[in-house]
Amino acid sequence: MLKRKAYEKLLEWKNSADKKSLMIKGARQVGKTYLVREFGKKEYSSFIEVNFIDQKELKSIFDSDLNATTIYKRMTAAIAGIRLIPGDTLIFFDEIQNCGNARTAIKFLTEDGRFDIVTSGSLLGLTYGENGDSDAEEPESVPTGYESFMTLYPLDFEEFLWAEGYNTATIAELKNSFINTGSVDPFINRKFEELFREYMVVGGMPEVVAKYAKNHDFNEVQDIQEQILENYKFDISKHAKGAEKQKVRACYEAIPKQLAKELKKFQYSTVEKGTTSKKYGGSVQWLIDSAIVNPCYNVREPYIPLMANASDNQFKLYINDTGLLCALYGFETRRAILDNSIKGNAKGGIYENVIAGCLVNNGYKLYYYKPDDDHELEFLIEKEGNVIPIEVKATNNATVSLNNFIESYQPETAYKLISGNAGRSGKKVTIPHYMVMFL
C-alpha cells in the first residue's frame, strides 16, 4: 500500500469527538476508494462497502423509510455475511451520487451514531443539477451539518519519496536545511533535483506511482497516464451536458498550449479564435468543479484576504497532475525534463504547473500578482496571517519582480524557487524546487 498523509487524517476523524459522517472528495483516480478500503479493513473489526454503480440493486435499501434501524436491517438482509458491530464498523458508500436517497439518509445515520460512515463519489456527479449523467440522482435533502469533508489529491512529492523508499529521517534532514536556509550537500541536492524531475514526469496518480516504484519503467508510466486521460475524456462525455461536452474538452486541451506559451492569463481565444468567456466560461467552471484543473487568480492588491482582492476574470489554469501534463506533451518533452535539457517557455510552464500542484496539496489556494505588463509573481499564498510571494524560476535567473515586491510590501518572507541550492539574502529565501513540499 502506498503511504498517504490522508490516512492520518482519517485516523484523526475516527478518533474525534462528536463525529460526523465523512465525505471524501477529489478528482477521478486519485485513490479515494483504495484509501478508504485499506483504512476500513485495517482500523475496524468490520468494514462494509457499498458501490452504487457496481451494486445498483442495493439502492433499494434506501427506498421509503430512511430511519437508521430500518436501513441497517435491510443491509443485513441484502448483503450476505456482513457484521454490524457498534463502535467498530466502518460503512463506505461509494459513488453516492447514484443514490439520492442514500445521501439524504446520511443525516439519520449520523444522528444514530452506532457506526462510522464514509461517503465518496465523482465530483462531477455530485454537482447534480449540472450533471448530464442520467444515473445520478439528486437527493431530496442534502445532509448539511451532518457531514465533514476531506479532499484527496494526487500524491505530493514527499509521498512520492516514501514510495521510492526514502525514509522520514532523510527528508527531515532536508527540512532542517529549509528551516535554517542552509545549503544542502551538493551531491544530495543534485539527487533530489533529479528525483523531483522524475516526479514531474511520473506525477502523483497512485496507480502510476505504484507501478513506477515497482519497475521504474517510464513507458509503463506513459501507458497508464494515457488511460487516465482517456478516462477523463469519458467523464467529460458522461457528465457534461449536451453541447457543453465539446466545449469542456476544448478548454482542457487548450491548457497545455497556454502553459507552453507562458500566457499571463487564460485566453479563450486559444480555445476558439475570436471567442470570449460568454461562450466558454461555464466550461472552465466545469473543469474547476471537477478538480482536474487548479485555478490561480490574479489579485489587484496583495493583501489578506487574497480572495477578496482576486479578479474572477483574470486567472490561469494548471493541470491537476503534472505527470498527466507531461503525458499530453509526449515522449520528447518527458525525455528533455528527465535529462534537464528542456528549453523555452514550455519549461517555465511545466515548472509552474508542478509547483501549483504542490501548493494545492499543502492546502493553499492559488493566486498570482501581475501589477503591470513587465512584472509578475507566479504565486501568492496566505501563511500564518501573512501574504507570502513565490517566484518560480526554471533555472536561477534574476528576480526583478520579487525584488520589487519585497521593496514595495515588505513581506515577512519571500521565496525564490530555483534549480540550485538553498540560501538567504535578507527577506528573500532561495530554495530548490523540491523544497516546496515544506512550505
Protein backbone atom coordinates (compact mmCIF):
# COMPACT_ATOMS: atom_id res chain seq x y z
CA MET A 1 0.00 0.00 0.00
CA LEU A 2 1.26 3.48 -0.83
CA LYS A 3 1.71 5.58 2.29
CA ARG A 4 -0.66 8.56 2.18
CA LYS A 5 -0.82 11.54 4.52
CA ALA A 6 -4.60 11.35 4.21
CA TYR A 7 -4.51 8.12 6.22
CA GLU A 8 -3.50 10.10 9.31
CA LYS A 9 -6.39 12.48 8.67
CA LEU A 10 -8.74 9.51 8.58
CA LEU A 11 -7.36 8.37 11.93
CA GLU A 12 -7.97 11.85 13.37
CA TRP A 13 -11.55 11.70 12.09
CA LYS A 14 -12.08 8.20 13.54
CA ASN A 15 -10.89 9.30 16.99
CA SER A 16 -12.63 12.68 17.01
CA ALA A 17 -15.39 13.58 19.45
CA ASP A 18 -18.85 14.47 18.11
CA LYS A 19 -18.02 12.70 14.85
CA LYS A 20 -20.00 13.38 11.68
CA SER A 21 -20.05 11.28 8.55
CA LEU A 22 -17.09 11.97 6.28
CA MET A 23 -17.31 12.75 2.58
CA ILE A 24 -14.04 12.30 0.67
CA LYS A 25 -13.82 14.47 -2.42
CA GLY A 26 -11.29 14.51 -5.22
CA ALA A 27 -10.72 14.04 -8.92
CA ARG A 28 -11.03 10.68 -10.61
CA GLN A 29 -8.30 8.10 -9.84
CA VAL A 30 -6.57 9.96 -7.01
CA GLY A 31 -7.07 6.89 -4.82
CA LYS A 32 -10.22 7.67 -2.80
CA THR A 33 -11.75 4.19 -2.90
CA TYR A 34 -8.48 2.35 -2.31
CA LEU A 35 -7.59 4.56 0.66
CA VAL A 36 -10.93 4.07 2.40
CA ARG A 37 -10.91 0.33 1.71
CA GLU A 38 -7.45 -0.13 3.25
CA PHE A 39 -8.32 2.11 6.20
CA GLY A 40 -11.58 0.29 6.88
CA LYS A 41 -10.02 -3.16 6.77
CA LYS A 42 -7.09 -2.20 8.98
CA GLU A 43 -8.71 0.05 11.58
CA TYR A 44 -12.12 -1.62 12.13
CA SER A 45 -13.27 -5.12 13.02
CA SER A 46 -15.97 -4.83 10.35
CA PHE A 47 -15.81 -2.97 7.03
CA ILE A 48 -18.80 -2.76 4.69
CA GLU A 49 -18.51 -1.28 1.20
CA VAL A 50 -21.48 -0.39 -1.00
CA ASN A 51 -20.81 0.86 -4.53
CA PHE A 52 -23.95 2.32 -6.11
CA ILE A 53 -22.63 1.88 -9.65
CA ASP A 54 -21.49 -1.74 -9.36
CA GLN A 55 -24.28 -2.74 -6.97
CA LYS A 56 -27.33 -0.92 -8.29
CA GLU A 57 -29.63 -3.42 -6.63
CA LEU A 58 -28.55 -2.15 -3.20
CA LYS A 59 -30.17 1.21 -3.87
CA SER A 60 -33.43 -0.45 -2.79
CA ILE A 61 -32.10 -0.43 0.78
CA PHE A 62 -32.91 3.27 0.82
CA ASP A 63 -36.42 3.08 -0.62
CA SER A 64 -39.18 4.62 1.51
CA ASP A 65 -38.40 4.68 5.26
CA LEU A 66 -34.94 6.19 5.92
CA ASN A 67 -34.61 5.75 9.68
CA ALA A 68 -31.30 4.19 10.71
CA THR A 69 -32.66 1.00 12.27
CA THR A 70 -34.67 0.14 9.15
CA ILE A 71 -31.72 0.84 6.84
CA TYR A 72 -29.35 -1.35 8.84
CA LYS A 73 -31.90 -4.16 8.99
CA ARG A 74 -32.29 -4.01 5.21
CA MET A 75 -28.50 -4.04 4.77
CA THR A 76 -28.19 -7.31 6.72
CA ALA A 77 -30.91 -8.82 4.53
CA ALA A 78 -29.41 -7.61 1.24
CA ILE A 79 -25.66 -8.11 1.81
CA ALA A 80 -24.51 -11.60 2.76
CA GLY A 81 -22.17 -12.11 5.67
CA ILE A 82 -21.86 -8.54 6.93
CA ARG A 83 -21.40 -7.79 10.62
CA LEU A 84 -22.64 -4.60 12.24
CA ILE A 85 -20.54 -4.07 15.38
CA PRO A 86 -21.49 -0.88 17.25
CA GLY A 87 -18.45 1.36 17.64
CA ASP A 88 -16.23 -0.83 15.46
CA THR A 89 -17.78 -0.84 11.98
CA LEU A 90 -17.00 1.42 9.04
CA ILE A 91 -19.64 1.65 6.31
CA PHE A 92 -18.43 3.08 3.00
CA PHE A 93 -20.97 4.34 0.47
CA ASP A 94 -19.04 4.81 -2.78
CA GLU A 95 -20.39 6.56 -5.89
CA ILE A 96 -23.09 8.01 -3.66
CA GLN A 97 -24.16 10.45 -6.37
CA ASN A 98 -26.02 7.50 -7.92
CA CYS A 99 -28.32 7.04 -4.93
CA GLY A 100 -30.01 10.26 -3.89
CA ASN A 101 -31.87 8.61 -1.01
CA ALA A 102 -28.60 7.33 0.46
CA ARG A 103 -27.23 10.89 0.52
CA THR A 104 -30.42 12.07 2.23
CA ALA A 105 -30.17 9.22 4.76
CA ILE A 106 -26.71 10.35 5.91
CA LYS A 107 -28.39 12.75 8.35
CA PHE A 108 -30.25 9.93 10.09
CA LEU A 109 -27.29 7.52 10.09
CA THR A 110 -25.06 10.21 11.60
CA GLU A 111 -27.62 11.02 14.28
CA ASP A 112 -27.87 7.30 15.09
CA GLY A 113 -24.09 7.16 15.65
CA ARG A 114 -23.63 3.42 16.11
CA PHE A 115 -21.42 3.02 13.05
CA ASP A 116 -18.91 5.25 11.26
CA ILE A 117 -19.94 6.42 7.79
CA VAL A 118 -17.67 7.47 4.91
CA THR A 119 -19.01 8.51 1.52
CA SER A 120 -17.35 9.30 -1.78
CA GLY A 121 -18.26 9.86 -5.38
CA SER A 122 -17.47 11.65 -8.58
CA LEU A 123 -17.21 15.39 -8.06
CA LEU A 124 -18.86 15.68 -11.44
CA GLY A 125 -21.78 13.57 -10.30
CA LEU A 126 -22.15 15.47 -7.04
CA THR A 127 -22.90 18.70 -8.91
CA TYR A 128 -26.31 17.12 -9.55
CA GLY A 129 -28.23 19.82 -11.46
CA GLU A 130 -25.22 20.49 -13.68
CA ASN A 131 -24.66 16.81 -14.34
CA GLY A 132 -25.51 15.16 -17.65
CA ASP A 133 -25.32 11.61 -16.29
CA SER A 134 -28.85 10.19 -16.25
CA ASP A 135 -27.86 7.74 -13.47
CA ALA A 136 -27.03 10.50 -10.98
CA GLU A 137 -29.83 11.15 -8.51
CA GLU A 138 -30.37 14.43 -6.72
CA PRO A 139 -31.08 13.89 -3.01
CA GLU A 140 -34.34 15.14 -1.56
CA SER A 141 -32.29 16.78 1.17
CA VAL A 142 -28.51 17.35 1.43
CA PRO A 143 -27.34 16.44 4.96
CA THR A 144 -26.00 19.90 5.78
CA GLY A 145 -24.40 19.95 9.21
CA TYR A 146 -24.05 16.18 9.37
CA GLU A 147 -21.02 15.79 7.10
CA SER A 148 -17.39 16.72 7.38
CA PHE A 149 -15.26 16.85 4.24
CA MET A 150 -11.78 15.84 3.17
CA THR A 151 -10.24 16.42 -0.26
CA LEU A 152 -7.79 13.88 -1.65
CA TYR A 153 -5.23 14.99 -4.23
CA PRO A 154 -2.59 13.14 -6.25
CA LEU A 155 0.46 12.11 -4.21
CA ASP A 156 2.70 15.02 -3.28
CA PHE A 157 6.47 14.90 -3.67
CA GLU A 158 7.08 13.68 -0.12
CA GLU A 159 4.63 10.80 -0.65
CA PHE A 160 6.43 10.05 -3.91
CA LEU A 161 9.70 9.86 -1.97
CA TRP A 162 8.11 7.43 0.51
CA ALA A 163 7.04 5.24 -2.41
CA GLU A 164 10.63 5.34 -3.66
CA GLY A 165 11.88 4.08 -0.31
CA TYR A 166 13.21 7.31 1.23
CA ASN A 167 12.68 7.38 4.98
CA THR A 168 11.47 10.19 7.17
CA ALA A 169 14.94 10.80 8.63
CA THR A 170 16.39 11.68 5.23
CA ILE A 171 13.51 14.03 4.49
CA ALA A 172 13.82 15.56 7.97
CA GLU A 173 17.44 16.49 7.23
CA LEU A 174 16.31 18.32 4.10
CA LYS A 175 13.59 20.07 6.11
CA ASN A 176 16.20 21.23 8.60
CA SER A 177 18.11 22.87 5.74
CA PHE A 178 14.86 24.51 4.63
CA ILE A 179 14.11 25.85 8.11
CA ASN A 180 17.64 27.15 8.61
CA THR A 181 18.01 28.22 4.95
CA GLY A 182 21.31 26.40 4.88
CA SER A 183 22.77 24.89 1.75
CA VAL A 184 22.33 21.17 1.09
CA ASP A 185 25.29 18.93 0.36
CA PRO A 186 25.75 19.39 -3.43
CA PHE A 187 25.59 15.65 -4.14
CA ILE A 188 22.35 15.27 -2.15
CA ASN A 189 20.88 18.40 -3.71
CA ARG A 190 21.54 17.14 -7.24
CA LYS A 191 19.99 13.78 -6.34
CA PHE A 192 16.79 15.34 -5.06
CA GLU A 193 16.59 17.71 -8.03
CA GLU A 194 16.76 14.59 -10.21
CA LEU A 195 14.05 12.91 -8.13
CA PHE A 196 11.87 15.99 -8.44
CA ARG A 197 12.19 15.88 -12.24
CA GLU A 198 11.16 12.22 -12.09
CA TYR A 199 8.17 13.29 -10.01
CA MET A 200 7.28 15.88 -12.63
CA VAL A 201 7.14 13.15 -15.29
CA VAL A 202 5.55 10.41 -13.18
CA GLY A 203 3.15 12.68 -11.32
CA GLY A 204 1.14 11.64 -8.30
CA MET A 205 -1.65 9.40 -9.55
CA PRO A 206 -1.47 6.39 -7.18
CA GLU A 207 -1.63 3.70 -9.87
CA VAL A 208 1.15 5.39 -11.82
CA VAL A 209 3.38 5.90 -8.77
CA ALA A 210 2.90 2.31 -7.58
CA LYS A 211 3.84 0.91 -10.98
CA TYR A 212 6.84 3.23 -11.30
CA ALA A 213 8.10 2.40 -7.79
CA LYS A 214 7.96 -1.29 -8.70
CA ASN A 215 9.52 -1.30 -12.19
CA HIS A 216 10.91 2.22 -12.87
CA ASP A 217 9.67 1.93 -16.44
CA PHE A 218 8.67 5.29 -17.95
CA ASN A 219 6.91 3.60 -20.85
CA GLU A 220 4.61 1.83 -18.37
CA VAL A 221 4.05 5.20 -16.74
CA GLN A 222 3.02 6.72 -20.07
CA ASP A 223 0.61 3.86 -20.80
CA ILE A 224 -1.24 4.29 -17.50
CA GLN A 225 -1.29 8.08 -17.84
CA GLU A 226 -2.80 7.84 -21.31
CA GLN A 227 -5.51 5.56 -19.94
CA ILE A 228 -6.28 8.08 -17.17
CA LEU A 229 -6.53 10.84 -19.77
CA GLU A 230 -8.92 8.68 -21.78
CA ASN A 231 -10.98 8.17 -18.63
CA TYR A 232 -11.10 11.93 -18.14
CA LYS A 233 -12.43 12.28 -21.68
CA PHE A 234 -15.03 9.63 -20.89
CA ASP A 235 -16.06 11.53 -17.76
CA ILE A 236 -16.48 14.67 -19.81
CA SER A 237 -18.66 12.86 -22.32
CA LYS A 238 -20.67 11.25 -19.50
CA HIS A 239 -21.20 14.15 -17.14
CA ALA A 240 -21.14 17.33 -19.25
CA LYS A 241 -24.49 18.33 -20.69
CA GLY A 242 -25.25 18.44 -24.40
CA ALA A 243 -23.12 20.88 -26.38
CA GLU A 244 -21.04 21.54 -23.26
CA LYS A 245 -19.17 18.27 -23.85
CA GLN A 246 -17.14 19.58 -26.78
CA LYS A 247 -16.53 22.96 -25.14
CA VAL A 248 -15.21 21.42 -21.92
CA ARG A 249 -12.89 19.15 -23.84
CA ALA A 250 -11.65 22.06 -25.99
CA CYS A 251 -10.86 24.12 -22.88
CA TYR A 252 -8.99 21.23 -21.26
CA GLU A 253 -6.93 20.63 -24.40
CA ALA A 254 -6.06 24.33 -24.59
CA ILE A 255 -4.34 24.36 -21.18
CA PRO A 256 -1.09 22.61 -22.26
CA LYS A 257 -0.83 25.00 -25.21
CA GLN A 258 -1.26 28.01 -22.96
CA LEU A 259 1.27 26.76 -20.42
CA ALA A 260 3.79 26.20 -23.21
CA LYS A 261 3.41 29.85 -24.18
CA GLU A 262 3.52 31.08 -20.56
CA LEU A 263 0.48 33.27 -21.16
CA LYS A 264 -0.28 35.75 -18.41
CA LYS A 265 -3.89 34.59 -18.06
CA PHE A 266 -6.25 32.03 -19.55
CA GLN A 267 -7.12 33.19 -23.05
CA TYR A 268 -10.37 31.99 -24.55
CA SER A 269 -9.06 32.88 -27.99
CA THR A 270 -6.69 29.89 -27.83
CA VAL A 271 -9.75 27.66 -27.44
CA GLU A 272 -11.54 29.26 -30.37
CA LYS A 273 -10.38 32.32 -32.27
CA GLY A 274 -12.40 35.41 -31.50
CA THR A 275 -14.40 33.88 -28.67
CA THR A 276 -14.92 35.17 -25.12
CA SER A 277 -15.87 33.98 -21.66
CA LYS A 278 -19.54 34.27 -22.60
CA LYS A 279 -19.25 31.07 -24.64
CA TYR A 280 -16.65 29.12 -22.64
CA GLY A 281 -16.86 30.49 -19.08
CA GLY A 282 -19.21 27.70 -17.99
CA SER A 283 -16.89 25.08 -19.47
CA VAL A 284 -13.95 26.43 -17.49
CA GLN A 285 -16.01 26.35 -14.31
CA TRP A 286 -16.96 22.75 -15.10
CA LEU A 287 -13.25 21.83 -15.22
CA ILE A 288 -12.61 23.61 -11.92
CA ASP A 289 -15.56 21.88 -10.25
CA SER A 290 -14.30 18.51 -11.49
CA ALA A 291 -10.90 19.13 -9.76
CA ILE A 292 -8.98 18.07 -12.86
CA VAL A 293 -7.58 21.60 -13.10
CA ASN A 294 -6.27 24.01 -10.46
CA PRO A 295 -7.29 27.66 -10.91
CA CYS A 296 -4.96 30.53 -9.98
CA TYR A 297 -6.44 34.05 -9.78
CA ASN A 298 -4.73 37.41 -10.27
CA VAL A 299 -5.01 39.76 -7.31
CA ARG A 300 -5.34 43.51 -7.63
CA GLU A 301 -3.66 44.18 -4.29
CA PRO A 302 -1.52 41.67 -2.36
CA TYR A 303 -3.34 41.94 0.94
CA ILE A 304 -5.27 39.45 3.09
CA PRO A 305 -7.80 38.18 2.29
CA LEU A 306 -6.42 37.46 -1.17
CA MET A 307 -9.79 36.05 -2.22
CA ALA A 308 -11.41 39.48 -1.78
CA ASN A 309 -8.75 41.08 -3.99
CA ALA A 310 -8.85 38.43 -6.72
CA SER A 311 -10.12 39.10 -10.26
CA ASP A 312 -12.58 36.43 -11.32
CA ASN A 313 -11.93 37.14 -15.00
CA GLN A 314 -8.13 37.03 -14.80
CA PHE A 315 -6.89 33.54 -13.99
CA LYS A 316 -4.61 30.73 -15.08
CA LEU A 317 -5.43 27.03 -15.18
CA TYR A 318 -2.99 24.28 -14.26
CA ILE A 319 -3.46 20.55 -14.90
CA ASN A 320 -4.10 18.81 -11.56
CA ASP A 321 -1.23 16.35 -12.10
CA THR A 322 1.99 17.37 -13.85
CA GLY A 323 2.62 13.77 -14.89
CA LEU A 324 -0.57 13.95 -16.96
CA LEU A 325 0.59 17.27 -18.43
CA CYS A 326 3.88 15.68 -19.48
CA ALA A 327 1.95 12.75 -20.97
CA LEU A 328 -0.03 15.25 -23.06
CA TYR A 329 3.21 16.83 -24.27
CA GLY A 330 4.64 13.46 -25.29
CA PHE A 331 7.84 11.43 -25.27
CA GLU A 332 10.39 14.08 -26.27
CA THR A 333 9.24 16.52 -23.61
CA ARG A 334 9.38 13.78 -20.99
CA ARG A 335 12.92 12.87 -22.01
CA ALA A 336 14.03 16.52 -22.01
CA ILE A 337 12.69 17.03 -18.48
CA LEU A 338 14.42 13.94 -17.16
CA ASP A 339 17.82 14.86 -18.59
CA ASN A 340 17.26 18.55 -17.72
CA SER A 341 17.71 19.72 -21.30
CA ILE A 342 14.25 21.23 -21.90
CA LYS A 343 14.33 24.86 -23.06
CA GLY A 344 11.93 27.62 -23.99
CA ASN A 345 8.67 28.82 -22.48
CA ALA A 346 7.32 25.30 -22.05
CA LYS A 347 9.95 24.67 -19.38
CA GLY A 348 8.69 27.56 -17.26
CA GLY A 349 5.07 26.48 -17.71
CA ILE A 350 5.79 22.91 -16.61
CA TYR A 351 7.66 24.07 -13.51
CA GLU A 352 4.81 26.44 -12.66
CA ASN A 353 2.35 23.57 -13.02
CA VAL A 354 4.20 21.25 -10.65
CA ILE A 355 4.67 23.98 -8.03
CA ALA A 356 0.95 24.83 -8.32
CA GLY A 357 0.07 21.20 -7.63
CA CYS A 358 2.42 21.02 -4.65
CA LEU A 359 0.91 24.16 -3.12
CA VAL A 360 -2.64 22.86 -3.57
CA ASN A 361 -1.57 19.59 -1.93
CA ASN A 362 -0.34 21.64 1.03
CA GLY A 363 -3.77 23.25 1.38
CA TYR A 364 -3.17 26.61 -0.28
CA LYS A 365 -5.49 28.47 -2.63
CA LEU A 366 -3.63 29.75 -5.69
CA TYR A 367 -3.17 33.41 -6.56
CA TYR A 368 -0.67 35.34 -8.65
CA TYR A 369 0.27 39.00 -8.87
CA LYS A 370 0.74 40.89 -12.11
CA PRO A 371 0.69 44.63 -11.42
CA ASP A 372 1.78 45.60 -14.96
CA ASP A 373 2.96 44.16 -18.27
CA ASP A 374 6.58 43.88 -17.14
CA HIS A 375 6.28 42.21 -13.73
CA GLU A 376 4.66 39.05 -12.43
CA LEU A 377 4.91 36.81 -9.39
CA GLU A 378 3.79 33.28 -10.13
CA PHE A 379 2.17 32.66 -6.75
CA LEU A 380 0.98 34.39 -3.62
CA ILE A 381 -0.12 32.32 -0.63
CA GLU A 382 -1.61 33.11 2.75
CA LYS A 383 0.52 31.65 5.54
CA GLU A 384 0.23 32.36 9.26
CA GLY A 385 -1.58 35.64 8.68
CA ASN A 386 0.86 36.90 6.05
CA VAL A 387 0.94 37.13 2.27
CA ILE A 388 3.98 35.21 1.04
CA PRO A 389 5.22 35.80 -2.54
CA ILE A 390 6.72 32.93 -4.54
CA GLU A 391 8.69 33.36 -7.74
CA VAL A 392 9.35 30.22 -9.75
CA LYS A 393 12.44 30.05 -11.92
CA ALA A 394 13.19 27.04 -14.11
CA THR A 395 16.91 27.81 -13.63
CA ASN A 396 18.36 30.55 -11.39
CA ASN A 397 17.68 33.82 -13.19
CA ALA A 398 17.35 37.30 -11.74
CA THR A 399 14.22 38.05 -9.72
CA VAL A 400 13.23 41.60 -10.64
CA SER A 401 9.54 41.08 -9.84
CA LEU A 402 10.26 39.51 -6.46
CA ASN A 403 12.76 42.24 -5.56
CA ASN A 404 10.22 44.94 -6.41
CA PHE A 405 7.56 43.19 -4.35
CA ILE A 406 9.86 42.97 -1.33
CA GLU A 407 10.71 46.66 -1.62
CA SER A 408 7.08 47.73 -2.00
CA TYR A 409 5.30 45.47 0.50
CA GLN A 410 7.97 44.24 2.93
CA PRO A 411 6.68 40.66 3.29
CA GLU A 412 7.87 38.64 6.25
CA THR A 413 9.46 36.14 3.84
CA ALA A 414 9.70 35.85 0.07
CA TYR A 415 10.59 32.64 -1.75
CA LYS A 416 12.55 32.13 -4.93
CA LEU A 417 12.28 28.56 -6.23
CA ILE A 418 15.15 27.53 -8.49
CA SER A 419 17.25 24.75 -9.92
CA GLY A 420 20.11 25.20 -7.48
CA ASN A 421 20.80 25.25 -3.76
CA ALA A 422 19.26 26.92 -0.72
CA GLY A 423 20.31 30.24 0.73
CA ARG A 424 19.04 33.55 2.11
CA SER A 425 19.55 37.24 1.38
CA GLY A 426 17.52 39.45 3.70
CA LYS A 427 13.85 38.59 3.32
CA LYS A 428 14.44 36.59 0.15
CA VAL A 429 14.82 32.86 0.70
CA THR A 430 16.13 30.83 -2.23
CA ILE A 431 15.25 27.13 -2.23
CA PRO A 432 15.44 24.30 -4.77
CA HIS A 433 12.08 23.37 -6.32
CA TYR A 434 11.75 20.16 -4.33
CA MET A 435 11.65 22.07 -1.03
CA VAL A 436 8.19 23.37 -1.93
CA MET A 437 6.98 20.29 -0.02
CA PHE A 438 7.97 22.09 3.20
CA LEU A 439 6.03 25.30 2.56
